[in-house]
Amino acid sequence: MLKLTALRLTALIFAPLAVLHAAELRLPSIFSDHLVLQCDKAVPLWGWADAAEEIVVEFAGQSQRTTTSEDGKWMVKLEALEASADSRELVVKSLSRNRSLKVADVLVGEVWAGGGQSNMEFDLKAIASAAAEIEASTNPSLRQFHVLKNPSADAPVDDVQGYWTVARPGREGRRISSRRATTLPQASSVS
């Protein structure tokens, strides 16, 4: 009887620690509010949770399921999506743990990568026509994902520190890369 009581007491003491050890259901920062998903191609989405968790990703009428691996990683692919400037919500659910994440204001369109050194970070306000160009940048379908600098990154990673911004008139801190981005809708069929 004493052994059974000690076992129950131990279970009561350590049970809350199991919850503390549970992995957070999370997405990389690129899958955050104001996200743009590539149109006309299958789109991979990934994240992390507890091992063997059943995950469902819902977006634009699609529902994709997977189970996390032993290290808690998961990935699904959304089928090709048509371009749309309609703001929608992306939902990631854990069926095993009854928890979810929501990503707001998601669009589907052309995704372009811009990279470089200081030239991509050059402040738009430093050029002669800056005031007019910044004031005229009223295309809420134009978004930029800003990756924060990480000088110690020397290999590919599953996540970066970064955030999405939406083009708005008068926005301070606009970069020269956004100037090129304003011409992209004219060069493609997405608007």
N, C-alpha and C. Protein backbone atom coordinates (compact mmCIF):
# COMPACT_ATOMS: atom_id res chain seq x y z
N MET A 1 0.82 -1.20 0.00
CA MET A 1 0.00 0.00 0.00
C MET A 1 0.87 1.26 0.00
N LEU A 2 1.94 1.25 0.78
CA LEU A 2 2.84 2.39 0.85
C LEU A 2 3.52 2.64 -0.49
N LYS A 3 3.88 1.53 -1.21
CA LYS A 3 4.50 1.64 -2.51
C LYS A 3 3.55 2.31 -3.51
N LEU A 4 2.27 1.94 -3.48
CA LEU A 4 1.27 2.50 -4.37
C LEU A 4 1.05 3.98 -4.09
N THR A 5 1.03 4.38 -2.83
CA THR A 5 0.87 5.78 -2.45
C THR A 5 2.08 6.59 -2.91
N ALA A 6 3.28 6.05 -2.75
CA ALA A 6 4.49 6.75 -3.19
C ALA A 6 4.49 6.93 -4.70
N LEU A 7 4.02 5.91 -5.43
CA LEU A 7 3.94 5.99 -6.88
C LEU A 7 2.95 7.07 -7.31
N ARG A 8 1.80 7.13 -6.68
CA ARG A 8 0.80 8.15 -6.98
C ARG A 8 1.33 9.55 -6.67
N LEU A 9 2.01 9.69 -5.55
CA LEU A 9 2.57 10.98 -5.15
C LEU A 9 3.62 11.43 -6.18
N THR A 10 4.46 10.50 -6.60
CA THR A 10 5.48 10.82 -7.61
C THR A 10 4.81 11.26 -8.91
N ALA A 11 3.77 10.54 -9.31
CA ALA A 11 3.06 10.90 -10.54
C ALA A 11 2.44 12.28 -10.44
N LEU A 12 1.87 12.61 -9.29
CA LEU A 12 1.27 13.93 -9.09
C LEU A 12 2.31 15.04 -9.14
N ILE A 13 3.49 14.76 -8.62
CA ILE A 13 4.54 15.78 -8.60
C ILE A 13 5.10 16.02 -10.01
N PHE A 14 5.32 14.93 -10.76
CA PHE A 14 5.99 15.07 -12.05
C PHE A 14 5.05 15.25 -13.24
N ALA A 15 3.77 15.02 -13.10
CA ALA A 15 2.83 15.18 -14.21
C ALA A 15 2.84 16.59 -14.80
N PRO A 16 2.85 17.64 -13.97
CA PRO A 16 2.90 18.99 -14.57
C PRO A 16 4.17 19.26 -15.36
N LEU A 17 5.26 18.58 -15.04
CA LEU A 17 6.50 18.78 -15.78
C LEU A 17 6.40 18.28 -17.21
N ALA A 18 5.56 17.30 -17.47
CA ALA A 18 5.36 16.79 -18.83
C ALA A 18 4.78 17.88 -19.72
N VAL A 19 3.90 18.69 -19.18
CA VAL A 19 3.33 19.80 -19.94
C VAL A 19 4.40 20.84 -20.25
N LEU A 20 5.30 21.10 -19.29
CA LEU A 20 6.37 22.07 -19.52
C LEU A 20 7.33 21.60 -20.60
N HIS A 21 7.50 20.29 -20.72
CA HIS A 21 8.42 19.74 -21.70
C HIS A 21 7.80 19.68 -23.10
N ALA A 22 6.50 19.82 -23.21
CA ALA A 22 5.82 19.74 -24.50
C ALA A 22 6.34 20.83 -25.44
N ALA A 23 6.58 20.44 -26.68
CA ALA A 23 7.06 21.40 -27.67
C ALA A 23 5.93 22.34 -28.07
N GLU A 24 6.31 23.56 -28.33
CA GLU A 24 5.34 24.55 -28.79
C GLU A 24 4.98 24.25 -30.24
N LEU A 25 3.72 24.38 -30.59
CA LEU A 25 3.31 24.31 -31.99
C LEU A 25 3.74 25.63 -32.61
N ARG A 26 4.65 25.57 -33.59
CA ARG A 26 5.14 26.82 -34.15
C ARG A 26 5.49 26.69 -35.62
N LEU A 27 5.53 27.85 -36.25
CA LEU A 27 5.89 27.99 -37.65
C LEU A 27 7.15 28.84 -37.75
N PRO A 28 7.92 28.72 -38.83
CA PRO A 28 9.02 29.65 -39.03
C PRO A 28 8.47 31.05 -39.27
N SER A 29 9.28 32.06 -39.04
CA SER A 29 8.80 33.44 -39.11
C SER A 29 8.31 33.84 -40.50
N ILE A 30 8.76 33.17 -41.54
CA ILE A 30 8.27 33.53 -42.88
C ILE A 30 6.78 33.22 -43.03
N PHE A 31 6.26 32.28 -42.25
CA PHE A 31 4.83 31.98 -42.27
C PHE A 31 4.15 32.75 -41.14
N SER A 32 4.09 34.07 -41.33
CA SER A 32 3.49 34.95 -40.32
C SER A 32 2.53 35.92 -41.00
N ASP A 33 1.86 36.74 -40.21
CA ASP A 33 0.86 37.68 -40.73
C ASP A 33 1.41 38.48 -41.92
N HIS A 34 0.59 38.68 -42.93
CA HIS A 34 0.88 39.42 -44.17
C HIS A 34 1.69 38.60 -45.17
N LEU A 35 1.76 37.30 -44.97
CA LEU A 35 2.47 36.36 -45.83
C LEU A 35 1.93 36.39 -47.26
N VAL A 36 2.82 36.16 -48.23
CA VAL A 36 2.43 35.94 -49.62
C VAL A 36 2.89 34.54 -49.99
N LEU A 37 1.96 33.70 -50.43
CA LEU A 37 2.29 32.36 -50.91
C LEU A 37 2.41 32.40 -52.43
N GLN A 38 3.36 31.65 -52.97
CA GLN A 38 3.58 31.61 -54.42
C GLN A 38 2.37 31.02 -55.14
N CYS A 39 1.96 31.67 -56.22
CA CYS A 39 0.84 31.15 -57.01
C CYS A 39 1.34 30.12 -58.04
N ASP A 40 0.41 29.29 -58.51
CA ASP A 40 0.63 28.37 -59.62
C ASP A 40 1.69 27.28 -59.38
N LYS A 41 2.09 27.07 -58.13
CA LYS A 41 3.05 26.02 -57.78
C LYS A 41 2.62 25.41 -56.45
N ALA A 42 2.96 24.14 -56.23
CA ALA A 42 2.74 23.53 -54.92
C ALA A 42 3.60 24.29 -53.91
N VAL A 43 3.03 24.57 -52.75
CA VAL A 43 3.72 25.39 -51.75
C VAL A 43 3.99 24.57 -50.49
N PRO A 44 5.27 24.37 -50.14
CA PRO A 44 5.56 23.65 -48.89
C PRO A 44 5.38 24.57 -47.68
N LEU A 45 4.80 24.02 -46.64
CA LEU A 45 4.67 24.71 -45.35
C LEU A 45 5.22 23.75 -44.30
N TRP A 46 5.96 24.26 -43.34
CA TRP A 46 6.55 23.40 -42.33
C TRP A 46 6.54 24.08 -40.97
N GLY A 47 6.83 23.27 -39.96
CA GLY A 47 6.89 23.80 -38.61
C GLY A 47 7.32 22.72 -37.63
N TRP A 48 7.02 22.98 -36.36
CA TRP A 48 7.46 22.10 -35.30
C TRP A 48 6.35 21.91 -34.27
N ALA A 49 6.36 20.77 -33.62
CA ALA A 49 5.42 20.43 -32.55
C ALA A 49 6.01 19.23 -31.81
N ASP A 50 5.22 18.57 -31.00
CA ASP A 50 5.67 17.35 -30.33
C ASP A 50 5.81 16.21 -31.33
N ALA A 51 6.64 15.25 -31.02
CA ALA A 51 6.78 14.06 -31.86
C ALA A 51 5.44 13.34 -31.96
N ALA A 52 5.16 12.81 -33.12
CA ALA A 52 3.95 12.01 -33.40
C ALA A 52 2.65 12.80 -33.26
N GLU A 53 2.71 14.12 -33.37
CA GLU A 53 1.49 14.94 -33.34
C GLU A 53 0.86 14.95 -34.73
N GLU A 54 -0.45 14.84 -34.80
CA GLU A 54 -1.15 14.92 -36.08
C GLU A 54 -1.46 16.38 -36.36
N ILE A 55 -0.98 16.87 -37.50
CA ILE A 55 -1.09 18.28 -37.88
C ILE A 55 -1.98 18.41 -39.12
N VAL A 56 -2.83 19.44 -39.12
CA VAL A 56 -3.66 19.77 -40.27
C VAL A 56 -3.41 21.23 -40.62
N VAL A 57 -3.18 21.49 -41.89
CA VAL A 57 -3.02 22.86 -42.39
C VAL A 57 -4.20 23.14 -43.32
N GLU A 58 -4.91 24.26 -43.05
CA GLU A 58 -6.06 24.64 -43.85
C GLU A 58 -5.85 26.02 -44.46
N PHE A 59 -6.09 26.10 -45.77
CA PHE A 59 -5.99 27.38 -46.46
C PHE A 59 -6.73 27.30 -47.79
N ALA A 60 -7.51 28.31 -48.10
CA ALA A 60 -8.18 28.47 -49.39
C ALA A 60 -8.93 27.21 -49.81
N GLY A 61 -9.63 26.59 -48.88
CA GLY A 61 -10.42 25.41 -49.19
C GLY A 61 -9.64 24.10 -49.19
N GLN A 62 -8.34 24.18 -48.99
CA GLN A 62 -7.52 22.98 -48.92
C GLN A 62 -7.29 22.58 -47.46
N SER A 63 -7.13 21.29 -47.26
CA SER A 63 -6.80 20.76 -45.93
C SER A 63 -5.76 19.66 -46.14
N GLN A 64 -4.55 19.88 -45.63
CA GLN A 64 -3.46 18.91 -45.78
C GLN A 64 -3.06 18.39 -44.39
N ARG A 65 -2.85 17.08 -44.29
CA ARG A 65 -2.53 16.44 -43.01
C ARG A 65 -1.16 15.78 -43.04
N THR A 66 -0.55 15.72 -41.86
CA THR A 66 0.70 15.00 -41.70
C THR A 66 0.88 14.67 -40.22
N THR A 67 1.89 13.89 -39.93
CA THR A 67 2.26 13.58 -38.56
C THR A 67 3.71 14.00 -38.36
N THR A 68 4.00 14.60 -37.23
CA THR A 68 5.36 15.07 -36.97
C THR A 68 6.31 13.89 -36.82
N SER A 69 7.56 14.14 -37.16
CA SER A 69 8.60 13.12 -37.03
C SER A 69 9.05 13.02 -35.57
N GLU A 70 10.00 12.15 -35.31
CA GLU A 70 10.50 11.96 -33.94
C GLU A 70 11.09 13.24 -33.35
N ASP A 71 11.67 14.08 -34.20
CA ASP A 71 12.24 15.32 -33.70
C ASP A 71 11.24 16.48 -33.71
N GLY A 72 9.97 16.20 -34.01
CA GLY A 72 8.91 17.20 -33.94
C GLY A 72 8.72 18.02 -35.20
N LYS A 73 9.48 17.76 -36.25
CA LYS A 73 9.33 18.51 -37.49
C LYS A 73 8.17 17.94 -38.32
N TRP A 74 7.54 18.83 -39.07
CA TRP A 74 6.48 18.41 -39.98
C TRP A 74 6.51 19.28 -41.23
N MET A 75 5.97 18.75 -42.34
CA MET A 75 5.84 19.52 -43.57
C MET A 75 4.66 18.99 -44.37
N VAL A 76 3.92 19.91 -44.97
CA VAL A 76 2.86 19.57 -45.92
C VAL A 76 3.08 20.41 -47.17
N LYS A 77 2.41 20.04 -48.25
CA LYS A 77 2.44 20.86 -49.46
C LYS A 77 1.01 21.19 -49.84
N LEU A 78 0.75 22.49 -49.98
CA LEU A 78 -0.53 22.93 -50.52
C LEU A 78 -0.47 22.75 -52.03
N GLU A 79 -1.57 22.32 -52.61
CA GLU A 79 -1.63 22.22 -54.06
C GLU A 79 -1.55 23.62 -54.65
N ALA A 80 -1.18 23.71 -55.92
CA ALA A 80 -1.03 25.01 -56.59
C ALA A 80 -2.27 25.87 -56.37
N LEU A 81 -2.04 27.13 -56.06
CA LEU A 81 -3.11 28.09 -55.78
C LEU A 81 -3.15 29.16 -56.87
N GLU A 82 -4.34 29.64 -57.18
CA GLU A 82 -4.47 30.75 -58.12
C GLU A 82 -4.13 32.05 -57.40
N ALA A 83 -3.55 32.99 -58.14
CA ALA A 83 -3.24 34.30 -57.57
C ALA A 83 -4.51 34.95 -57.05
N SER A 84 -4.41 35.57 -55.90
CA SER A 84 -5.56 36.24 -55.30
C SER A 84 -5.08 37.32 -54.34
N ALA A 85 -5.65 38.51 -54.52
CA ALA A 85 -5.35 39.61 -53.60
C ALA A 85 -6.33 39.63 -52.43
N ASP A 86 -7.18 38.60 -52.34
CA ASP A 86 -8.11 38.49 -51.21
C ASP A 86 -7.34 38.07 -49.97
N SER A 87 -7.51 38.83 -48.90
CA SER A 87 -6.86 38.51 -47.63
C SER A 87 -7.55 37.30 -47.02
N ARG A 88 -6.77 36.24 -46.73
CA ARG A 88 -7.32 35.02 -46.14
C ARG A 88 -6.51 34.60 -44.93
N GLU A 89 -7.04 33.62 -44.21
CA GLU A 89 -6.39 33.13 -43.00
C GLU A 89 -5.86 31.71 -43.24
N LEU A 90 -4.64 31.47 -42.80
CA LEU A 90 -4.02 30.16 -42.83
C LEU A 90 -4.11 29.59 -41.42
N VAL A 91 -4.60 28.36 -41.28
CA VAL A 91 -4.77 27.76 -39.96
C VAL A 91 -3.96 26.47 -39.88
N VAL A 92 -3.20 26.33 -38.80
CA VAL A 92 -2.46 25.11 -38.51
C VAL A 92 -3.02 24.56 -37.21
N LYS A 93 -3.47 23.30 -37.26
CA LYS A 93 -4.08 22.69 -36.07
C LYS A 93 -3.33 21.42 -35.69
N SER A 94 -3.25 21.20 -34.40
CA SER A 94 -2.79 19.92 -33.89
C SER A 94 -4.03 19.16 -33.43
N LEU A 95 -4.33 18.06 -34.10
CA LEU A 95 -5.48 17.25 -33.70
C LEU A 95 -5.16 16.45 -32.44
N SER A 96 -3.89 16.17 -32.23
CA SER A 96 -3.47 15.38 -31.07
C SER A 96 -3.53 16.16 -29.77
N ARG A 97 -3.21 17.46 -29.83
CA ARG A 97 -3.09 18.27 -28.62
C ARG A 97 -4.15 19.37 -28.52
N ASN A 98 -5.07 19.42 -29.48
CA ASN A 98 -6.14 20.42 -29.47
C ASN A 98 -5.60 21.85 -29.31
N ARG A 99 -4.71 22.23 -30.21
CA ARG A 99 -4.16 23.59 -30.23
C ARG A 99 -4.04 24.02 -31.68
N SER A 100 -3.95 25.33 -31.89
CA SER A 100 -3.87 25.82 -33.27
C SER A 100 -3.13 27.14 -33.35
N LEU A 101 -2.71 27.48 -34.57
CA LEU A 101 -2.08 28.75 -34.91
C LEU A 101 -2.85 29.35 -36.09
N LYS A 102 -2.94 30.67 -36.12
CA LYS A 102 -3.58 31.34 -37.25
C LYS A 102 -2.63 32.39 -37.80
N VAL A 103 -2.52 32.42 -39.12
CA VAL A 103 -1.74 33.43 -39.81
C VAL A 103 -2.74 34.28 -40.58
N ALA A 104 -2.77 35.58 -40.28
CA ALA A 104 -3.77 36.49 -40.85
C ALA A 104 -3.24 37.20 -42.10
N ASP A 105 -4.19 37.65 -42.92
CA ASP A 105 -3.90 38.51 -44.07
C ASP A 105 -2.92 37.86 -45.04
N VAL A 106 -3.24 36.64 -45.46
CA VAL A 106 -2.38 35.89 -46.39
C VAL A 106 -2.89 36.10 -47.81
N LEU A 107 -1.99 36.44 -48.72
CA LEU A 107 -2.31 36.60 -50.14
C LEU A 107 -1.61 35.50 -50.93
N VAL A 108 -2.03 35.32 -52.18
CA VAL A 108 -1.38 34.38 -53.08
C VAL A 108 -0.97 35.17 -54.32
N GLY A 109 0.29 35.10 -54.70
CA GLY A 109 0.76 35.86 -55.86
C GLY A 109 2.18 35.49 -56.21
N GLU A 110 2.82 36.40 -56.91
CA GLU A 110 4.22 36.21 -57.30
C GLU A 110 5.12 36.52 -56.11
N VAL A 111 6.06 35.63 -55.85
CA VAL A 111 7.03 35.83 -54.78
C VAL A 111 8.40 35.98 -55.43
N TRP A 112 9.04 37.09 -55.15
CA TRP A 112 10.36 37.38 -55.71
C TRP A 112 11.34 37.51 -54.56
N ALA A 113 12.54 37.01 -54.76
CA ALA A 113 13.59 37.14 -53.74
C ALA A 113 14.56 38.23 -54.19
N GLY A 114 14.87 39.12 -53.27
CA GLY A 114 15.84 40.16 -53.53
C GLY A 114 16.95 40.03 -52.51
N GLY A 115 18.16 40.03 -52.96
CA GLY A 115 19.28 39.90 -52.03
C GLY A 115 20.43 40.77 -52.47
N GLY A 116 21.32 40.96 -51.58
CA GLY A 116 22.49 41.75 -51.89
C GLY A 116 23.09 42.26 -50.60
N GLN A 117 23.82 43.29 -50.73
CA GLN A 117 24.44 43.85 -49.53
C GLN A 117 23.77 45.19 -49.24
N SER A 118 24.53 46.19 -49.02
CA SER A 118 23.97 47.48 -48.61
C SER A 118 23.04 48.07 -49.66
N ASN A 119 23.21 47.71 -50.92
CA ASN A 119 22.35 48.29 -51.96
C ASN A 119 20.87 47.93 -51.74
N MET A 120 20.58 46.76 -51.18
CA MET A 120 19.19 46.37 -50.95
C MET A 120 18.62 47.04 -49.71
N GLU A 121 19.47 47.56 -48.86
CA GLU A 121 19.03 48.21 -47.63
C GLU A 121 19.10 49.73 -47.72
N PHE A 122 19.54 50.23 -48.84
CA PHE A 122 19.66 51.67 -49.01
C PHE A 122 18.30 52.31 -48.78
N ASP A 123 18.23 53.30 -47.92
CA ASP A 123 16.96 53.96 -47.60
C ASP A 123 16.42 54.69 -48.83
N LEU A 124 15.18 54.39 -49.17
CA LEU A 124 14.51 55.04 -50.29
C LEU A 124 14.42 56.55 -50.07
N LYS A 125 14.31 56.96 -48.80
CA LYS A 125 14.19 58.40 -48.54
C LYS A 125 15.45 59.18 -48.89
N ALA A 126 16.54 58.47 -49.22
CA ALA A 126 17.79 59.15 -49.56
C ALA A 126 17.86 59.54 -51.04
N ILE A 127 16.90 59.09 -51.86
CA ILE A 127 16.95 59.47 -53.28
C ILE A 127 16.14 60.75 -53.49
N ALA A 128 16.40 61.43 -54.58
CA ALA A 128 15.80 62.74 -54.84
C ALA A 128 14.28 62.72 -54.88
N SER A 129 13.68 61.70 -55.48
CA SER A 129 12.23 61.67 -55.62
C SER A 129 11.55 60.86 -54.50
N ALA A 130 12.21 60.70 -53.39
CA ALA A 130 11.73 59.83 -52.31
C ALA A 130 10.34 60.20 -51.81
N ALA A 131 10.10 61.44 -51.51
CA ALA A 131 8.81 61.84 -50.92
C ALA A 131 7.65 61.42 -51.82
N ALA A 132 7.75 61.70 -53.11
CA ALA A 132 6.68 61.34 -54.05
C ALA A 132 6.54 59.82 -54.18
N GLU A 133 7.66 59.11 -54.25
CA GLU A 133 7.59 57.65 -54.42
C GLU A 133 7.03 56.97 -53.17
N ILE A 134 7.44 57.41 -52.01
CA ILE A 134 6.93 56.81 -50.77
C ILE A 134 5.44 57.11 -50.64
N GLU A 135 5.04 58.33 -50.93
CA GLU A 135 3.63 58.70 -50.81
C GLU A 135 2.76 57.95 -51.82
N ALA A 136 3.32 57.63 -52.97
CA ALA A 136 2.56 56.95 -54.02
C ALA A 136 2.51 55.43 -53.86
N SER A 137 3.20 54.89 -52.89
CA SER A 137 3.27 53.43 -52.76
C SER A 137 2.07 52.87 -52.00
N THR A 138 0.93 52.95 -52.64
CA THR A 138 -0.32 52.51 -51.99
C THR A 138 -0.83 51.22 -52.59
N ASN A 139 -0.04 50.18 -52.55
CA ASN A 139 -0.48 48.89 -53.06
C ASN A 139 -0.40 47.87 -51.91
N PRO A 140 -1.52 47.64 -51.21
CA PRO A 140 -1.47 46.72 -50.07
C PRO A 140 -1.20 45.27 -50.47
N SER A 141 -1.19 44.98 -51.77
CA SER A 141 -0.83 43.64 -52.22
C SER A 141 0.68 43.46 -52.29
N LEU A 142 1.41 44.58 -52.21
CA LEU A 142 2.87 44.53 -52.24
C LEU A 142 3.37 44.33 -50.82
N ARG A 143 4.05 43.22 -50.60
CA ARG A 143 4.58 42.90 -49.27
C ARG A 143 6.06 42.57 -49.39
N GLN A 144 6.77 42.81 -48.29
CA GLN A 144 8.18 42.45 -48.24
C GLN A 144 8.44 41.68 -46.96
N PHE A 145 9.25 40.62 -47.10
CA PHE A 145 9.70 39.89 -45.92
C PHE A 145 11.12 40.36 -45.63
N HIS A 146 11.30 40.93 -44.47
CA HIS A 146 12.61 41.45 -44.06
C HIS A 146 13.30 40.43 -43.18
N VAL A 147 14.47 39.96 -43.61
CA VAL A 147 15.27 39.02 -42.81
C VAL A 147 16.26 39.85 -42.00
N LEU A 148 16.23 39.65 -40.69
CA LEU A 148 17.16 40.36 -39.82
C LEU A 148 18.55 39.77 -40.00
N LYS A 149 19.54 40.60 -39.83
CA LYS A 149 20.93 40.17 -40.04
C LYS A 149 21.33 39.13 -38.99
N ASN A 150 22.05 38.12 -39.46
CA ASN A 150 22.57 37.09 -38.57
C ASN A 150 23.96 36.72 -39.07
N PRO A 151 24.97 37.43 -38.60
CA PRO A 151 26.32 37.18 -39.11
C PRO A 151 26.87 35.80 -38.78
N SER A 152 26.26 35.08 -37.85
CA SER A 152 26.78 33.76 -37.49
C SER A 152 26.18 32.63 -38.33
N ALA A 153 25.24 32.93 -39.22
CA ALA A 153 24.63 31.90 -40.04
C ALA A 153 25.61 31.49 -41.14
N ASP A 154 26.08 30.25 -41.07
CA ASP A 154 27.03 29.78 -42.07
C ASP A 154 26.54 28.52 -42.78
N ALA A 155 25.28 28.17 -42.56
CA ALA A 155 24.68 27.00 -43.20
C ALA A 155 23.18 27.24 -43.35
N PRO A 156 22.53 26.53 -44.25
CA PRO A 156 21.07 26.69 -44.39
C PRO A 156 20.35 26.40 -43.07
N VAL A 157 19.25 27.11 -42.84
CA VAL A 157 18.48 26.94 -41.61
C VAL A 157 17.00 26.78 -41.95
N ASP A 158 16.23 26.22 -41.01
CA ASP A 158 14.79 26.04 -41.18
C ASP A 158 14.00 27.29 -40.85
N ASP A 159 14.63 28.25 -40.19
CA ASP A 159 13.94 29.46 -39.75
C ASP A 159 14.94 30.60 -39.67
N VAL A 160 14.45 31.81 -39.83
CA VAL A 160 15.25 33.02 -39.68
C VAL A 160 14.45 33.99 -38.84
N GLN A 161 15.11 35.00 -38.33
CA GLN A 161 14.38 36.07 -37.67
C GLN A 161 13.96 37.05 -38.76
N GLY A 162 12.68 37.32 -38.86
CA GLY A 162 12.21 38.23 -39.88
C GLY A 162 10.74 38.53 -39.70
N TYR A 163 10.23 39.42 -40.58
CA TYR A 163 8.83 39.85 -40.48
C TYR A 163 8.38 40.40 -41.84
N TRP A 164 7.06 40.33 -42.07
CA TRP A 164 6.45 40.85 -43.28
C TRP A 164 5.99 42.28 -43.04
N THR A 165 6.11 43.12 -44.08
CA THR A 165 5.53 44.46 -44.05
C THR A 165 4.65 44.64 -45.27
N VAL A 166 3.66 45.51 -45.14
CA VAL A 166 2.72 45.83 -46.22
C VAL A 166 3.04 47.23 -46.71
N ALA A 167 3.10 47.43 -48.03
CA ALA A 167 3.37 48.76 -48.59
C ALA A 167 2.22 49.71 -48.24
N ARG A 168 2.57 50.80 -47.62
CA ARG A 168 1.59 51.83 -47.26
C ARG A 168 2.20 53.19 -47.54
N PRO A 169 1.37 54.17 -47.89
CA PRO A 169 1.92 55.50 -48.17
C PRO A 169 2.54 56.10 -46.91
N GLY A 170 3.65 56.80 -47.11
CA GLY A 170 4.29 57.50 -46.00
C GLY A 170 5.07 56.60 -45.07
N ARG A 171 5.21 55.33 -45.39
CA ARG A 171 5.90 54.39 -44.51
C ARG A 171 7.37 54.75 -44.40
N GLU A 172 7.83 54.95 -43.19
CA GLU A 172 9.24 55.26 -42.96
C GLU A 172 10.09 54.01 -43.11
N GLY A 173 11.35 54.18 -43.43
CA GLY A 173 12.27 53.07 -43.49
C GLY A 173 12.13 52.21 -44.73
N ARG A 174 11.43 52.69 -45.75
CA ARG A 174 11.31 51.92 -46.99
C ARG A 174 12.70 51.73 -47.59
N ARG A 175 12.94 50.63 -48.18
CA ARG A 175 14.24 50.31 -48.76
C ARG A 175 14.18 50.42 -50.27
N ILE A 176 15.33 50.57 -50.87
CA ILE A 176 15.41 50.68 -52.31
C ILE A 176 14.86 49.42 -52.98
N SER A 177 14.94 48.27 -52.31
CA SER A 177 14.39 47.03 -52.88
C SER A 177 12.90 47.16 -53.12
N SER A 178 12.21 47.97 -52.31
CA SER A 178 10.77 48.14 -52.52
C SER A 178 10.49 48.96 -53.78
N ARG A 179 11.43 49.79 -54.18
CA ARG A 179 11.26 50.58 -55.41
C ARG A 179 11.17 49.64 -56.61
N ARG A 180 12.03 48.64 -56.67
CA ARG A 180 11.98 47.66 -57.76
C ARG A 180 10.70 46.84 -57.65
N ALA A 181 10.29 46.51 -56.46
CA ALA A 181 9.12 45.67 -56.26
C ALA A 181 7.85 46.35 -56.77
N THR A 182 7.79 47.67 -56.77
CA THR A 182 6.59 48.35 -57.25
C THR A 182 6.37 48.14 -58.74
N THR A 183 7.42 47.77 -59.49
CA THR A 183 7.27 47.54 -60.93
C THR A 183 6.89 46.10 -61.24
N LEU A 184 6.98 45.20 -60.28
CA LEU A 184 6.71 43.79 -60.55
C LEU A 184 5.26 43.51 -60.96
N PRO A 185 4.25 44.11 -60.32
CA PRO A 185 2.89 43.83 -60.76
C PRO A 185 2.65 44.20 -62.23
N GLN A 186 3.35 45.22 -62.73
CA GLN A 186 3.21 45.61 -64.13
C GLN A 186 3.82 44.56 -65.05
N ALA A 187 4.84 43.84 -64.57
CA ALA A 187 5.54 42.86 -65.38
C ALA A 187 4.90 41.48 -65.30
N SER A 188 3.94 41.29 -64.41
CA SER A 188 3.29 39.98 -64.29
C SER A 188 1.78 40.16 -64.38
N SER A 189 1.07 39.05 -64.35
CA SER A 189 -0.37 39.13 -64.44
C SER A 189 -1.05 39.21 -63.07
N VAL A 190 -0.27 39.32 -62.01
CA VAL A 190 -0.81 39.35 -60.66
C VAL A 190 -0.91 40.80 -60.21
N SER A 191 -2.06 41.15 -59.66
CA SER A 191 -2.19 42.51 -59.11
C SER A 191 -3.01 42.48 -57.85
